[in-house]
């Protein structure tokens, strides 16, 4: 079932109320193969591999890419909650980490660093947008919702990040926005 644009718009107040400085991890998903998802209770971040167990590095190499700017993707859990309908469909979005946090451009401009458990990640300047797979899984109106207007400004589709300092994190781990220049 795909939600209508009006249904999604009704959730705006709730979605926009996500924490700005300190959120938490709601779901961790690795992609061991194309179109496969495995949910994890804990994750390990590595500056070279991204989320250990995910195929980001192999997929990037297969496309001739060597850019870490899309190494790790985060999505606001409040957005996917309304797009997916049920929690068992969240990972279909294709992101690795689902967080209860405001991911907007205003709140987390490129270069912002986040502490995720023991790790530190940095927000990339590369936009994260929905694709045909996203539209087929959640509907054309969901794709429009995340990619236009307030959805685009608030990065409802999520953000690209990369690992600055490796470490471990778990479900429920805090996601903390670090002050400029902080490690």
N, C-alpha and C. Protein backbone atom coordinates (compact mmCIF):
# COMPACT_ATOMS: atom_id res chain seq x y z
N UNK A 1 0.84 -1.18 0.00
CA UNK A 1 0.00 0.00 0.00
C UNK A 1 0.89 1.25 0.00
N UNK A 2 0.60 2.16 -0.89
CA UNK A 2 1.33 3.42 -0.95
C UNK A 2 0.47 4.52 -0.36
N UNK A 3 1.08 5.37 0.42
CA UNK A 3 0.36 6.47 1.07
C UNK A 3 0.17 7.62 0.09
N UNK A 4 -0.92 8.33 0.25
CA UNK A 4 -1.18 9.49 -0.60
C UNK A 4 -0.37 10.67 -0.09
N UNK A 5 -0.19 11.65 -0.97
CA UNK A 5 0.54 12.85 -0.60
C UNK A 5 -0.14 13.57 0.56
N UNK A 6 -1.46 13.57 0.57
CA UNK A 6 -2.17 14.23 1.68
C UNK A 6 -1.94 13.49 3.00
N UNK A 7 -1.90 12.16 2.97
CA UNK A 7 -1.59 11.38 4.18
C UNK A 7 -0.19 11.71 4.69
N UNK A 8 0.75 11.80 3.76
CA UNK A 8 2.13 12.09 4.14
C UNK A 8 2.26 13.50 4.69
N UNK A 9 1.57 14.43 4.08
CA UNK A 9 1.63 15.83 4.50
C UNK A 9 1.06 16.00 5.91
N UNK A 10 0.09 15.19 6.28
CA UNK A 10 -0.49 15.25 7.63
C UNK A 10 0.53 14.92 8.71
N UNK A 11 1.59 14.22 8.35
CA UNK A 11 2.62 13.83 9.31
C UNK A 11 3.72 14.87 9.46
N UNK A 12 3.65 15.99 8.73
CA UNK A 12 4.72 16.98 8.73
C UNK A 12 5.10 17.48 10.12
N UNK A 13 4.13 17.83 10.92
CA UNK A 13 4.43 18.38 12.25
C UNK A 13 5.24 17.37 13.07
N UNK A 14 4.82 16.11 13.04
CA UNK A 14 5.53 15.06 13.76
C UNK A 14 6.95 14.88 13.22
N UNK A 15 7.09 14.81 11.90
CA UNK A 15 8.40 14.61 11.27
C UNK A 15 9.33 15.78 11.59
N UNK A 16 8.82 16.99 11.45
CA UNK A 16 9.65 18.18 11.67
C UNK A 16 10.00 18.38 13.15
N UNK A 17 9.37 17.63 14.03
CA UNK A 17 9.67 17.71 15.47
C UNK A 17 10.82 16.83 15.91
N UNK A 18 11.51 16.20 14.97
CA UNK A 18 12.65 15.34 15.32
C UNK A 18 13.73 16.15 16.01
N UNK A 19 14.46 15.54 16.96
CA UNK A 19 15.51 16.24 17.69
C UNK A 19 16.59 16.81 16.76
N UNK A 20 17.12 17.98 17.12
CA UNK A 20 18.13 18.63 16.29
C UNK A 20 19.56 18.35 16.72
N UNK A 21 19.81 18.23 18.00
CA UNK A 21 21.19 18.10 18.49
C UNK A 21 21.56 16.69 18.93
N UNK A 22 20.57 15.95 19.42
CA UNK A 22 20.83 14.61 19.95
C UNK A 22 19.64 13.71 19.65
N UNK A 23 19.86 12.79 18.74
CA UNK A 23 18.84 11.81 18.41
C UNK A 23 19.31 10.42 18.83
N UNK A 24 18.74 9.40 18.20
CA UNK A 24 19.19 8.04 18.50
C UNK A 24 18.94 7.12 17.31
N UNK A 25 19.64 6.01 17.30
CA UNK A 25 19.55 5.02 16.22
C UNK A 25 18.32 4.16 16.42
N UNK A 26 17.50 4.06 15.38
CA UNK A 26 16.28 3.25 15.39
C UNK A 26 16.45 1.92 14.66
N UNK A 27 17.28 1.90 13.61
CA UNK A 27 17.46 0.68 12.83
C UNK A 27 18.82 0.72 12.14
N UNK A 28 19.45 -0.45 12.03
CA UNK A 28 20.72 -0.61 11.32
C UNK A 28 20.50 -1.72 10.28
N UNK A 29 20.79 -1.41 9.01
CA UNK A 29 20.59 -2.39 7.94
C UNK A 29 21.81 -2.43 7.03
N UNK A 30 22.31 -3.62 6.77
CA UNK A 30 23.36 -3.79 5.78
C UNK A 30 22.74 -4.40 4.53
N UNK A 31 23.42 -4.17 3.42
CA UNK A 31 22.99 -4.72 2.14
C UNK A 31 24.06 -5.71 1.68
N UNK A 32 23.92 -7.01 2.07
CA UNK A 32 24.95 -7.99 1.74
C UNK A 32 24.99 -8.33 0.25
N UNK A 33 23.88 -8.18 -0.43
CA UNK A 33 23.75 -8.41 -1.88
C UNK A 33 22.72 -7.41 -2.40
N UNK A 34 22.68 -7.21 -3.71
CA UNK A 34 21.70 -6.30 -4.28
C UNK A 34 20.29 -6.77 -3.91
N UNK A 35 19.46 -5.82 -3.48
CA UNK A 35 18.07 -6.05 -3.08
C UNK A 35 17.91 -6.97 -1.87
N UNK A 36 18.97 -7.15 -1.10
CA UNK A 36 18.89 -7.90 0.15
C UNK A 36 19.19 -6.96 1.31
N UNK A 37 18.54 -7.19 2.44
CA UNK A 37 18.77 -6.40 3.64
C UNK A 37 18.90 -7.34 4.83
N UNK A 38 19.81 -6.99 5.71
CA UNK A 38 19.98 -7.73 6.95
C UNK A 38 19.99 -6.70 8.08
N UNK A 39 19.10 -6.88 9.04
CA UNK A 39 19.02 -5.96 10.17
C UNK A 39 19.99 -6.40 11.26
N UNK A 40 20.67 -5.43 11.85
CA UNK A 40 21.68 -5.71 12.87
C UNK A 40 21.34 -5.02 14.18
N UNK A 41 21.68 -5.65 15.32
CA UNK A 41 21.51 -4.97 16.61
C UNK A 41 22.67 -4.01 16.90
N UNK A 42 23.83 -4.28 16.30
CA UNK A 42 25.00 -3.42 16.46
C UNK A 42 25.68 -3.27 15.11
N UNK A 43 26.41 -2.19 14.96
CA UNK A 43 27.14 -1.96 13.73
C UNK A 43 28.54 -1.48 14.02
N UNK A 44 29.42 -1.71 13.07
CA UNK A 44 30.79 -1.24 13.19
C UNK A 44 31.09 -0.38 11.96
N UNK A 45 31.58 0.84 12.21
CA UNK A 45 31.94 1.74 11.13
C UNK A 45 33.45 1.77 10.95
N UNK A 46 33.87 1.74 9.68
CA UNK A 46 35.28 1.73 9.33
C UNK A 46 35.50 2.80 8.26
N UNK A 47 36.54 3.64 8.40
CA UNK A 47 36.77 4.70 7.42
C UNK A 47 36.95 4.22 5.98
N UNK A 48 37.44 3.00 5.80
CA UNK A 48 37.64 2.47 4.45
C UNK A 48 36.42 1.70 3.94
N UNK A 49 35.76 0.95 4.81
CA UNK A 49 34.67 0.08 4.39
C UNK A 49 33.28 0.68 4.56
N UNK A 50 33.15 1.70 5.39
CA UNK A 50 31.83 2.21 5.74
C UNK A 50 31.25 1.33 6.83
N UNK A 51 30.01 0.90 6.67
CA UNK A 51 29.36 0.00 7.62
C UNK A 51 29.82 -1.42 7.31
N UNK A 52 30.54 -2.03 8.22
CA UNK A 52 31.08 -3.37 8.01
C UNK A 52 29.92 -4.34 7.77
N UNK A 53 30.04 -5.12 6.68
CA UNK A 53 29.00 -6.07 6.29
C UNK A 53 28.14 -5.57 5.14
N UNK A 54 28.23 -4.27 4.85
CA UNK A 54 27.48 -3.67 3.74
C UNK A 54 28.36 -3.72 2.49
N UNK A 55 27.74 -3.73 1.33
CA UNK A 55 28.48 -3.85 0.07
C UNK A 55 28.80 -2.51 -0.57
N UNK A 56 28.77 -1.41 0.18
CA UNK A 56 29.03 -0.10 -0.40
C UNK A 56 30.35 -0.08 -1.18
N UNK A 57 31.42 -0.54 -0.58
CA UNK A 57 32.74 -0.46 -1.22
C UNK A 57 32.78 -1.27 -2.51
N UNK A 58 32.27 -2.48 -2.50
CA UNK A 58 32.27 -3.33 -3.69
C UNK A 58 31.41 -2.72 -4.80
N UNK A 59 30.24 -2.18 -4.43
CA UNK A 59 29.37 -1.55 -5.44
C UNK A 59 30.03 -0.31 -6.03
N UNK A 60 30.71 0.47 -5.21
CA UNK A 60 31.40 1.67 -5.69
C UNK A 60 32.52 1.29 -6.65
N UNK A 61 33.31 0.29 -6.27
CA UNK A 61 34.42 -0.16 -7.11
C UNK A 61 33.90 -0.69 -8.45
N UNK A 62 32.77 -1.40 -8.43
CA UNK A 62 32.19 -1.95 -9.66
C UNK A 62 31.77 -0.84 -10.62
N UNK A 63 31.44 0.34 -10.06
CA UNK A 63 31.05 1.48 -10.90
C UNK A 63 32.23 2.42 -11.18
N UNK A 64 33.44 1.98 -10.79
CA UNK A 64 34.63 2.78 -11.03
C UNK A 64 34.74 4.01 -10.15
N UNK A 65 34.03 3.99 -9.03
CA UNK A 65 34.04 5.15 -8.13
C UNK A 65 35.02 4.92 -6.99
N UNK A 66 35.61 6.01 -6.54
CA UNK A 66 36.50 5.96 -5.39
C UNK A 66 36.20 7.14 -4.48
N UNK A 67 34.93 7.52 -4.42
CA UNK A 67 34.49 8.70 -3.68
C UNK A 67 33.72 8.22 -2.46
N UNK A 68 34.17 8.62 -1.28
CA UNK A 68 33.51 8.18 -0.04
C UNK A 68 32.31 9.03 0.32
N UNK A 69 31.94 10.01 -0.48
CA UNK A 69 30.89 10.95 -0.10
C UNK A 69 29.52 10.29 0.10
N UNK A 70 29.32 9.11 -0.44
CA UNK A 70 28.05 8.40 -0.24
C UNK A 70 28.29 7.04 0.44
N UNK A 71 29.30 6.99 1.28
CA UNK A 71 29.70 5.75 1.95
C UNK A 71 28.61 5.21 2.88
N UNK A 72 27.91 6.10 3.52
CA UNK A 72 26.94 5.73 4.54
C UNK A 72 25.73 6.65 4.41
N UNK A 73 24.53 6.07 4.39
CA UNK A 73 23.33 6.91 4.30
C UNK A 73 22.50 6.78 5.56
N UNK A 74 21.99 7.93 5.99
CA UNK A 74 21.10 7.99 7.15
C UNK A 74 19.75 8.52 6.68
N UNK A 75 18.69 8.00 7.27
CA UNK A 75 17.35 8.48 6.97
C UNK A 75 16.62 8.73 8.28
N UNK A 76 15.81 9.78 8.28
CA UNK A 76 15.00 10.13 9.45
C UNK A 76 13.95 9.03 9.66
N UNK A 77 13.95 8.43 10.84
CA UNK A 77 13.02 7.33 11.13
C UNK A 77 11.56 7.78 11.11
N UNK A 78 11.30 9.04 11.41
CA UNK A 78 9.92 9.54 11.40
C UNK A 78 9.38 9.59 9.97
N UNK A 79 10.26 9.88 9.01
CA UNK A 79 9.84 9.91 7.61
C UNK A 79 9.54 8.49 7.13
N UNK A 80 10.47 7.57 7.33
CA UNK A 80 10.26 6.21 6.82
C UNK A 80 9.10 5.52 7.53
N UNK A 81 8.87 5.87 8.77
CA UNK A 81 7.72 5.32 9.50
C UNK A 81 6.42 5.61 8.74
N UNK A 82 6.30 6.82 8.22
CA UNK A 82 5.08 7.18 7.50
C UNK A 82 5.07 6.72 6.06
N UNK A 83 6.22 6.61 5.44
CA UNK A 83 6.27 6.12 4.06
C UNK A 83 6.01 4.62 3.99
N UNK A 84 6.63 3.89 4.89
CA UNK A 84 6.61 2.42 4.82
C UNK A 84 5.36 1.80 5.41
N UNK A 85 4.74 2.48 6.36
CA UNK A 85 3.56 1.90 7.00
C UNK A 85 3.92 0.98 8.15
N UNK A 86 4.74 -0.02 7.88
CA UNK A 86 5.15 -0.96 8.93
C UNK A 86 6.67 -1.00 9.01
N UNK A 87 7.16 -1.24 10.20
CA UNK A 87 8.61 -1.23 10.46
C UNK A 87 9.36 -2.26 9.62
N UNK A 88 8.75 -3.37 9.31
CA UNK A 88 9.43 -4.41 8.53
C UNK A 88 9.71 -3.96 7.10
N UNK A 89 9.16 -2.83 6.66
CA UNK A 89 9.40 -2.31 5.31
C UNK A 89 10.42 -1.16 5.29
N UNK A 90 10.88 -0.72 6.46
CA UNK A 90 11.80 0.42 6.51
C UNK A 90 13.05 0.19 5.66
N UNK A 91 13.68 -0.94 5.80
CA UNK A 91 14.96 -1.19 5.13
C UNK A 91 14.84 -1.20 3.61
N UNK A 92 13.63 -1.29 3.09
CA UNK A 92 13.43 -1.24 1.64
C UNK A 92 13.88 0.10 1.06
N UNK A 93 13.97 1.13 1.89
CA UNK A 93 14.43 2.43 1.42
C UNK A 93 15.88 2.36 0.95
N UNK A 94 16.63 1.38 1.47
CA UNK A 94 18.00 1.18 1.01
C UNK A 94 19.06 1.88 1.83
N UNK A 95 18.67 2.58 2.87
CA UNK A 95 19.63 3.27 3.72
C UNK A 95 20.19 2.29 4.75
N UNK A 96 21.33 2.66 5.34
CA UNK A 96 21.93 1.77 6.32
C UNK A 96 21.52 2.10 7.75
N UNK A 97 21.33 3.38 8.04
CA UNK A 97 21.04 3.75 9.42
C UNK A 97 19.82 4.67 9.46
N UNK A 98 18.86 4.31 10.30
CA UNK A 98 17.63 5.08 10.45
C UNK A 98 17.66 5.71 11.84
N UNK A 99 17.58 7.04 11.87
CA UNK A 99 17.76 7.78 13.12
C UNK A 99 16.58 8.70 13.39
N UNK A 100 16.29 8.90 14.66
CA UNK A 100 15.31 9.90 15.04
C UNK A 100 16.09 11.19 15.25
N UNK A 101 16.23 11.95 14.16
CA UNK A 101 17.00 13.20 14.19
C UNK A 101 16.63 14.04 12.99
N UNK A 102 16.67 15.35 13.17
CA UNK A 102 16.43 16.31 12.11
C UNK A 102 17.66 16.32 11.20
N UNK A 103 17.48 15.90 9.95
CA UNK A 103 18.58 15.80 9.00
C UNK A 103 18.59 16.96 8.00
N UNK A 104 17.84 18.01 8.27
CA UNK A 104 17.68 19.11 7.31
C UNK A 104 19.01 19.79 6.99
N UNK A 105 19.03 20.44 5.83
CA UNK A 105 20.20 21.20 5.40
C UNK A 105 20.52 22.28 6.42
N UNK A 106 19.51 22.93 6.93
CA UNK A 106 19.72 23.99 7.92
C UNK A 106 20.35 23.44 9.20
N UNK A 107 19.90 22.28 9.65
CA UNK A 107 20.41 21.70 10.89
C UNK A 107 21.76 21.02 10.71
N UNK A 108 21.95 20.32 9.59
CA UNK A 108 23.18 19.55 9.36
C UNK A 108 23.78 19.89 8.00
N UNK A 109 24.34 21.08 7.84
CA UNK A 109 24.94 21.42 6.55
C UNK A 109 26.14 20.52 6.26
N UNK A 110 26.54 20.42 4.98
CA UNK A 110 27.73 19.63 4.67
C UNK A 110 28.90 20.04 5.56
N UNK A 111 29.66 19.04 6.01
CA UNK A 111 30.78 19.27 6.89
C UNK A 111 30.44 19.07 8.36
N UNK A 112 29.15 19.01 8.69
CA UNK A 112 28.74 18.76 10.07
C UNK A 112 29.18 17.35 10.47
N UNK A 113 29.70 17.24 11.66
CA UNK A 113 30.10 15.93 12.17
C UNK A 113 29.12 15.46 13.23
N UNK A 114 28.91 14.15 13.22
CA UNK A 114 28.01 13.50 14.17
C UNK A 114 28.76 12.39 14.88
N UNK A 115 28.55 12.29 16.18
CA UNK A 115 29.06 11.14 16.94
C UNK A 115 27.96 10.10 16.92
N UNK A 116 28.32 8.92 16.49
CA UNK A 116 27.39 7.80 16.38
C UNK A 116 27.99 6.66 17.19
N UNK A 117 27.57 6.51 18.45
CA UNK A 117 28.23 5.57 19.34
C UNK A 117 29.66 6.02 19.53
N UNK A 118 30.63 5.14 19.22
CA UNK A 118 32.06 5.46 19.34
C UNK A 118 32.62 6.11 18.08
N UNK A 119 31.86 6.12 17.01
CA UNK A 119 32.35 6.59 15.71
C UNK A 119 32.00 8.05 15.48
N UNK A 120 32.69 8.64 14.51
CA UNK A 120 32.36 9.99 14.05
C UNK A 120 32.16 9.92 12.54
N UNK A 121 31.05 10.50 12.08
CA UNK A 121 30.77 10.56 10.65
C UNK A 121 30.60 12.03 10.27
N UNK A 122 30.75 12.30 8.97
CA UNK A 122 30.62 13.68 8.49
C UNK A 122 29.59 13.72 7.36
N UNK A 123 28.76 14.76 7.39
CA UNK A 123 27.73 14.95 6.36
C UNK A 123 28.42 15.40 5.07
N UNK A 124 28.10 14.72 4.00
CA UNK A 124 28.65 15.00 2.67
C UNK A 124 27.88 16.12 1.99
N UNK A 125 28.49 16.71 0.97
CA UNK A 125 27.78 17.71 0.18
C UNK A 125 27.01 17.07 -0.97
N UNK A 126 27.10 15.76 -1.12
CA UNK A 126 26.40 15.06 -2.19
C UNK A 126 24.95 14.79 -1.78
N UNK A 127 23.98 15.29 -2.54
CA UNK A 127 22.58 15.06 -2.17
C UNK A 127 22.19 13.59 -2.29
N UNK A 128 21.25 13.19 -1.46
CA UNK A 128 20.71 11.82 -1.48
C UNK A 128 19.26 11.94 -1.94
N UNK A 129 18.97 11.43 -3.10
CA UNK A 129 17.62 11.56 -3.66
C UNK A 129 17.03 10.20 -3.94
N UNK A 130 15.73 10.17 -4.04
CA UNK A 130 15.03 8.92 -4.33
C UNK A 130 15.22 8.52 -5.78
N UNK A 131 15.00 7.26 -6.05
CA UNK A 131 15.17 6.72 -7.40
C UNK A 131 13.93 5.90 -7.78
N UNK A 132 14.01 5.24 -8.93
CA UNK A 132 12.89 4.42 -9.39
C UNK A 132 12.56 3.29 -8.42
N UNK A 133 13.58 2.68 -7.82
CA UNK A 133 13.33 1.62 -6.83
C UNK A 133 12.55 2.17 -5.65
N UNK A 134 12.93 3.37 -5.19
CA UNK A 134 12.24 4.00 -4.06
C UNK A 134 10.78 4.24 -4.43
N UNK A 135 10.54 4.76 -5.63
CA UNK A 135 9.17 5.02 -6.09
C UNK A 135 8.36 3.73 -6.21
N UNK A 136 8.98 2.66 -6.70
CA UNK A 136 8.23 1.41 -6.83
C UNK A 136 7.89 0.80 -5.48
N UNK A 137 8.74 1.03 -4.48
CA UNK A 137 8.51 0.46 -3.15
C UNK A 137 7.55 1.29 -2.30
N UNK A 138 7.59 2.62 -2.47
CA UNK A 138 6.78 3.49 -1.60
C UNK A 138 5.78 4.37 -2.36
N UNK A 139 5.87 4.40 -3.67
CA UNK A 139 4.91 5.15 -4.48
C UNK A 139 5.48 6.44 -5.03
N UNK A 140 4.91 6.87 -6.16
CA UNK A 140 5.35 8.10 -6.82
C UNK A 140 5.11 9.32 -5.94
N UNK A 141 4.02 9.31 -5.17
CA UNK A 141 3.74 10.46 -4.30
C UNK A 141 4.74 10.53 -3.15
N UNK A 142 5.23 9.39 -2.69
CA UNK A 142 6.27 9.38 -1.66
C UNK A 142 7.56 9.97 -2.21
N UNK A 143 7.88 9.62 -3.45
CA UNK A 143 9.08 10.17 -4.08
C UNK A 143 8.95 11.69 -4.22
N UNK A 144 7.80 12.16 -4.62
CA UNK A 144 7.56 13.60 -4.73
C UNK A 144 7.66 14.26 -3.34
N UNK A 145 7.11 13.61 -2.32
CA UNK A 145 7.12 14.13 -0.95
C UNK A 145 8.55 14.34 -0.44
N UNK A 146 9.45 13.41 -0.71
CA UNK A 146 10.82 13.52 -0.19
C UNK A 146 11.72 14.40 -1.05
N UNK A 147 11.39 14.59 -2.32
CA UNK A 147 12.29 15.28 -3.24
C UNK A 147 11.88 16.70 -3.63
N UNK A 148 10.79 17.22 -3.09
CA UNK A 148 10.37 18.57 -3.45
C UNK A 148 10.04 19.39 -2.20
N UNK A 149 10.15 20.70 -2.34
CA UNK A 149 9.74 21.62 -1.29
C UNK A 149 10.37 21.31 0.06
N UNK A 150 9.50 21.26 1.07
CA UNK A 150 9.95 21.03 2.45
C UNK A 150 10.66 19.68 2.58
N UNK A 151 10.25 18.69 1.80
CA UNK A 151 10.90 17.38 1.84
C UNK A 151 12.34 17.44 1.39
N UNK A 152 12.61 18.21 0.36
CA UNK A 152 13.98 18.36 -0.14
C UNK A 152 14.83 19.17 0.86
N UNK A 153 14.28 20.31 1.34
CA UNK A 153 14.99 21.16 2.29
C UNK A 153 15.30 20.41 3.60
N UNK A 154 14.36 19.56 3.99
CA UNK A 154 14.51 18.83 5.25
C UNK A 154 15.20 17.49 5.06
N UNK A 155 15.57 17.19 3.82
CA UNK A 155 16.25 15.94 3.46
C UNK A 155 15.46 14.72 3.94
N UNK A 156 14.18 14.70 3.60
CA UNK A 156 13.36 13.56 3.99
C UNK A 156 13.86 12.27 3.36
N UNK A 157 14.54 12.33 2.23
CA UNK A 157 15.07 11.11 1.62
C UNK A 157 16.31 10.63 2.37
N UNK A 158 16.94 11.52 3.12
CA UNK A 158 18.10 11.13 3.91
C UNK A 158 19.33 11.92 3.53
N UNK A 159 20.46 11.53 4.12
CA UNK A 159 21.73 12.21 3.86
C UNK A 159 22.84 11.21 3.57
N UNK A 160 23.78 11.67 2.76
CA UNK A 160 25.01 10.93 2.53
C UNK A 160 26.04 11.39 3.54
N UNK A 161 26.78 10.44 4.08
CA UNK A 161 27.85 10.74 5.04
C UNK A 161 29.03 9.82 4.76
N UNK A 162 30.12 10.09 5.45
CA UNK A 162 31.27 9.19 5.39
C UNK A 162 31.90 9.09 6.77
N UNK A 163 32.62 8.01 6.99
CA UNK A 163 33.21 7.72 8.30
C UNK A 163 34.53 8.48 8.45
N UNK A 164 34.63 9.26 9.51
CA UNK A 164 35.85 9.99 9.84
C UNK A 164 36.67 9.20 10.85
N UNK A 165 35.98 8.65 11.84
CA UNK A 165 36.63 7.85 12.89
C UNK A 165 35.79 6.60 13.11
N UNK A 166 36.40 5.45 12.95
CA UNK A 166 35.69 4.20 13.12
C UNK A 166 35.24 3.97 14.55
N UNK A 167 34.29 3.06 14.70
CA UNK A 167 33.80 2.72 16.02
C UNK A 167 32.54 1.90 15.93
N UNK A 168 32.02 1.53 17.08
CA UNK A 168 30.82 0.71 17.15
C UNK A 168 29.64 1.52 17.66
N UNK A 169 28.45 1.08 17.29
CA UNK A 169 27.21 1.68 17.75
C UNK A 169 26.14 0.61 17.75
N UNK A 170 25.02 0.88 18.39
CA UNK A 170 23.95 -0.11 18.54
C UNK A 170 22.60 0.56 18.36
N UNK A 171 21.57 -0.26 18.28
CA UNK A 171 20.21 0.27 18.32
C UNK A 171 20.08 1.06 19.61
N UNK A 172 19.50 2.23 19.52
CA UNK A 172 19.34 3.08 20.69
C UNK A 172 20.53 3.99 20.98
N UNK A 173 21.67 3.76 20.31
CA UNK A 173 22.84 4.62 20.53
C UNK A 173 22.49 6.06 20.21
N UNK A 174 23.07 6.99 20.97
CA UNK A 174 22.83 8.40 20.65
C UNK A 174 23.53 8.81 19.35
N UNK A 175 22.91 9.74 18.66
CA UNK A 175 23.49 10.40 17.50
C UNK A 175 23.60 11.86 17.92
N UNK A 176 24.83 12.36 18.06
CA UNK A 176 25.04 13.68 18.64
C UNK A 176 25.71 14.59 17.61
N UNK A 177 25.09 15.73 17.38
CA UNK A 177 25.66 16.76 16.50
C UNK A 177 26.82 17.42 17.24
N UNK A 178 28.00 17.37 16.64
CA UNK A 178 29.18 17.93 17.27
C UNK A 178 29.34 19.41 16.90
N UNK A 179 29.86 20.21 17.82
CA UNK A 179 30.14 21.61 17.49
C UNK A 179 31.19 21.68 16.39
N UNK A 180 31.19 22.75 15.61
CA UNK A 180 32.20 22.92 14.56
C UNK A 180 33.60 22.74 15.13
N UNK A 181 34.40 21.92 14.42
CA UNK A 181 35.78 21.70 14.82
C UNK A 181 35.98 20.66 15.91
N UNK A 182 34.90 20.11 16.45
CA UNK A 182 35.02 19.12 17.53
C UNK A 182 35.33 17.75 16.96
N UNK A 183 36.01 16.95 17.73
CA UNK A 183 36.32 15.56 17.37
C UNK A 183 35.54 14.62 18.24
